[in-house]
């Protein structure tokens, strides 16, 4: 697995913590490594105390390809897309 590096200019995070008032946080999801575990959905749900049935962050499963001939190997694939609310 590759090592992640900060994408913020030096000192940005330190200045942000020194600001007064409420803090806003985000969830960073690298779609290259998404396995569809819904951990980001559960973290968002726990942090925002949303009721059952309301999810600000969703993960959808996308299936692509086709299976037309049962005698041949199917050409199918699945990937996951995290869909945060962006607010």
C-alpha atoms as a PDB file:
ATOM      1  CA  UNK A   1       0.000   0.000   0.000  1.00  0.00           C
ATOM      2  CA  UNK A   2       1.348   3.420  -0.830  1.00  0.00           C
ATOM      3  CA  UNK A   3       2.231   5.969   1.831  1.00  0.00           C
ATOM      4  CA  UNK A   4      -0.132   8.918   1.983  1.00  0.00           C
ATOM      5  CA  UNK A   5       1.282  12.416   2.133  1.00  0.00           C
ATOM      6  CA  UNK A   6      -0.513  15.568   3.269  1.00  0.00           C
ATOM      7  CA  UNK A   7      -1.901  17.687   0.459  1.00  0.00           C
ATOM      8  CA  UNK A   8      -2.178  20.860   2.544  1.00  0.00           C
ATOM      9  CA  UNK A   9       0.454  23.580   2.444  1.00  0.00           C
ATOM     10  CA  UNK A  10       2.759  23.576   5.497  1.00  0.00           C
ATOM     11  CA  UNK A  11       1.207  25.209   8.559  1.00  0.00           C
ATOM     12  CA  UNK A  12      -2.395  25.100   7.303  1.00  0.00           C
ATOM     13  CA  UNK A  13      -3.543  22.456   9.772  1.00  0.00           C
ATOM     14  CA  UNK A  14      -1.868  24.173  12.740  1.00  0.00           C
ATOM     15  CA  UNK A  15      -3.536  27.506  11.853  1.00  0.00           C
ATOM     16  CA  UNK A  16      -6.890  25.771  11.549  1.00  0.00           C
ATOM     17  CA  UNK A  17      -6.665  24.342  15.077  1.00  0.00           C
ATOM     18  CA  UNK A  18      -5.853  27.792  16.489  1.00  0.00           C
ATOM     19  CA  UNK A  19      -9.040  29.359  15.046  1.00  0.00           C
ATOM     20  CA  UNK A  20     -11.906  29.999  17.434  1.00  0.00           C
ATOM     21  CA  UNK A  21     -15.380  28.614  16.898  1.00  0.00           C
ATOM     22  CA  UNK A  22     -16.742  25.238  15.832  1.00  0.00           C
ATOM     23  CA  UNK A  23     -14.537  22.929  13.796  1.00  0.00           C
ATOM     24  CA  UNK A  24     -15.602  21.204  10.585  1.00  0.00           C
ATOM     25  CA  UNK A  25     -14.150  17.829   9.718  1.00  0.00           C
ATOM     26  CA  UNK A  26     -14.345  15.708   6.607  1.00  0.00           C
ATOM     27  CA  UNK A  27     -14.012  12.065   5.650  1.00  0.00           C
ATOM     28  CA  UNK A  28     -11.347  11.328   3.062  1.00  0.00           C
ATOM     29  CA  UNK A  29     -12.178   8.267   0.937  1.00  0.00           C
ATOM     30  CA  UNK A  30      -9.653   6.887  -1.536  1.00  0.00           C
ATOM     31  CA  UNK A  31     -11.866   5.113  -4.068  1.00  0.00           C
ATOM     32  CA  UNK A  32      -8.913   3.095  -5.326  1.00  0.00           C
ATOM     33  CA  UNK A  33      -9.019   1.118  -2.067  1.00  0.00           C
ATOM     34  CA  UNK A  34     -12.783   1.098  -1.450  1.00  0.00           C
ATOM     35  CA  UNK A  35     -14.013  -2.455  -0.809  1.00  0.00           C
ATOM     36  CA  UNK A  36     -17.615  -1.547  -0.023  1.00  0.00           C
ATOM     37  CA  UNK A  37     -17.369  -2.068   3.753  1.00  0.00           C
ATOM     38  CA  UNK A  38     -19.573   0.983   4.564  1.00  0.00           C
ATOM     39  CA  UNK A  39     -17.220   2.099   7.366  1.00  0.00           C
ATOM     40  CA  UNK A  40     -17.409   5.683   6.048  1.00  0.00           C
ATOM     41  CA  UNK A  41     -21.218   5.512   6.195  1.00  0.00           C
ATOM     42  CA  UNK A  42     -21.158   4.261   9.793  1.00  0.00           C
ATOM     43  CA  UNK A  43     -18.589   6.898  10.844  1.00  0.00           C
ATOM     44  CA  UNK A  44     -20.724   9.665   9.335  1.00  0.00           C
ATOM     45  CA  UNK A  45     -23.864   8.243  10.937  1.00  0.00           C
ATOM     46  CA  UNK A  46     -22.203   8.063  14.371  1.00  0.00           C
ATOM     47  CA  UNK A  47     -20.750  11.580  14.138  1.00  0.00           C
ATOM     48  CA  UNK A  48     -23.969  13.243  12.930  1.00  0.00           C
ATOM     49  CA  UNK A  49     -26.418  11.181  15.050  1.00  0.00           C
ATOM     50  CA  UNK A  50     -28.727  10.577  12.113  1.00  0.00           C
ATOM     51  CA  UNK A  51     -31.865   8.478  12.651  1.00  0.00           C
ATOM     52  CA  UNK A  52     -32.397   5.013  11.224  1.00  0.00           C
ATOM     53  CA  UNK A  53     -33.056   5.209   7.483  1.00  0.00           C
ATOM     54  CA  UNK A  54     -31.255   8.532   6.944  1.00  0.00           C
ATOM     55  CA  UNK A  55     -27.698   8.307   5.605  1.00  0.00           C
ATOM     56  CA  UNK A  56     -25.712  11.396   4.626  1.00  0.00           C
ATOM     57  CA  UNK A  57     -22.951   9.203   3.227  1.00  0.00           C
ATOM     58  CA  UNK A  58     -23.791   6.253   0.976  1.00  0.00           C
ATOM     59  CA  UNK A  59     -21.788   3.592  -0.828  1.00  0.00           C
ATOM     60  CA  UNK A  60     -23.235   2.216  -4.027  1.00  0.00           C
ATOM     61  CA  UNK A  61     -22.198  -0.950  -5.808  1.00  0.00           C
ATOM     62  CA  UNK A  62     -21.835  -0.730  -9.579  1.00  0.00           C
ATOM     63  CA  UNK A  63     -21.789  -3.870 -11.688  1.00  0.00           C
ATOM     64  CA  UNK A  64     -20.588  -3.727 -15.259  1.00  0.00           C
ATOM     65  CA  UNK A  65     -20.153  -6.168 -18.087  1.00  0.00           C
ATOM     66  CA  UNK A  66     -22.396  -8.832 -19.503  1.00  0.00           C
ATOM     67  CA  UNK A  67     -23.090 -12.511 -19.179  1.00  0.00           C
ATOM     68  CA  UNK A  68     -24.623 -13.640 -22.429  1.00  0.00           C
ATOM     69  CA  UNK A  69     -23.268 -17.118 -23.121  1.00  0.00           C
ATOM     70  CA  UNK A  70     -23.189 -19.645 -20.248  1.00  0.00           C
ATOM     71  CA  UNK A  71     -20.526 -21.685 -22.081  1.00  0.00           C
ATOM     72  CA  UNK A  72     -18.029 -18.794 -22.027  1.00  0.00           C
ATOM     73  CA  UNK A  73     -16.343 -17.054 -19.136  1.00  0.00           C
ATOM     74  CA  UNK A  74     -18.432 -14.021 -18.097  1.00  0.00           C
ATOM     75  CA  UNK A  75     -16.987 -10.554 -18.581  1.00  0.00           C
ATOM     76  CA  UNK A  76     -18.204  -8.975 -15.332  1.00  0.00           C
ATOM     77  CA  UNK A  77     -16.807  -6.505 -12.842  1.00  0.00           C
ATOM     78  CA  UNK A  78     -17.904  -4.757  -9.681  1.00  0.00           C
ATOM     79  CA  UNK A  79     -16.699  -1.555  -8.075  1.00  0.00           C
ATOM     80  CA  UNK A  80     -17.898   0.668  -5.262  1.00  0.00           C
ATOM     81  CA  UNK A  81     -18.500   4.412  -5.224  1.00  0.00           C
ATOM     82  CA  UNK A  82     -18.674   6.381  -1.980  1.00  0.00           C
ATOM     83  CA  UNK A  83     -21.206   9.205  -2.254  1.00  0.00           C
ATOM     84  CA  UNK A  84     -20.730  11.698   0.577  1.00  0.00           C
ATOM     85  CA  UNK A  85     -23.208  14.502   1.124  1.00  0.00           C
ATOM     86  CA  UNK A  86     -20.576  17.238   0.591  1.00  0.00           C
ATOM     87  CA  UNK A  87     -21.925  19.611   3.225  1.00  0.00           C
END
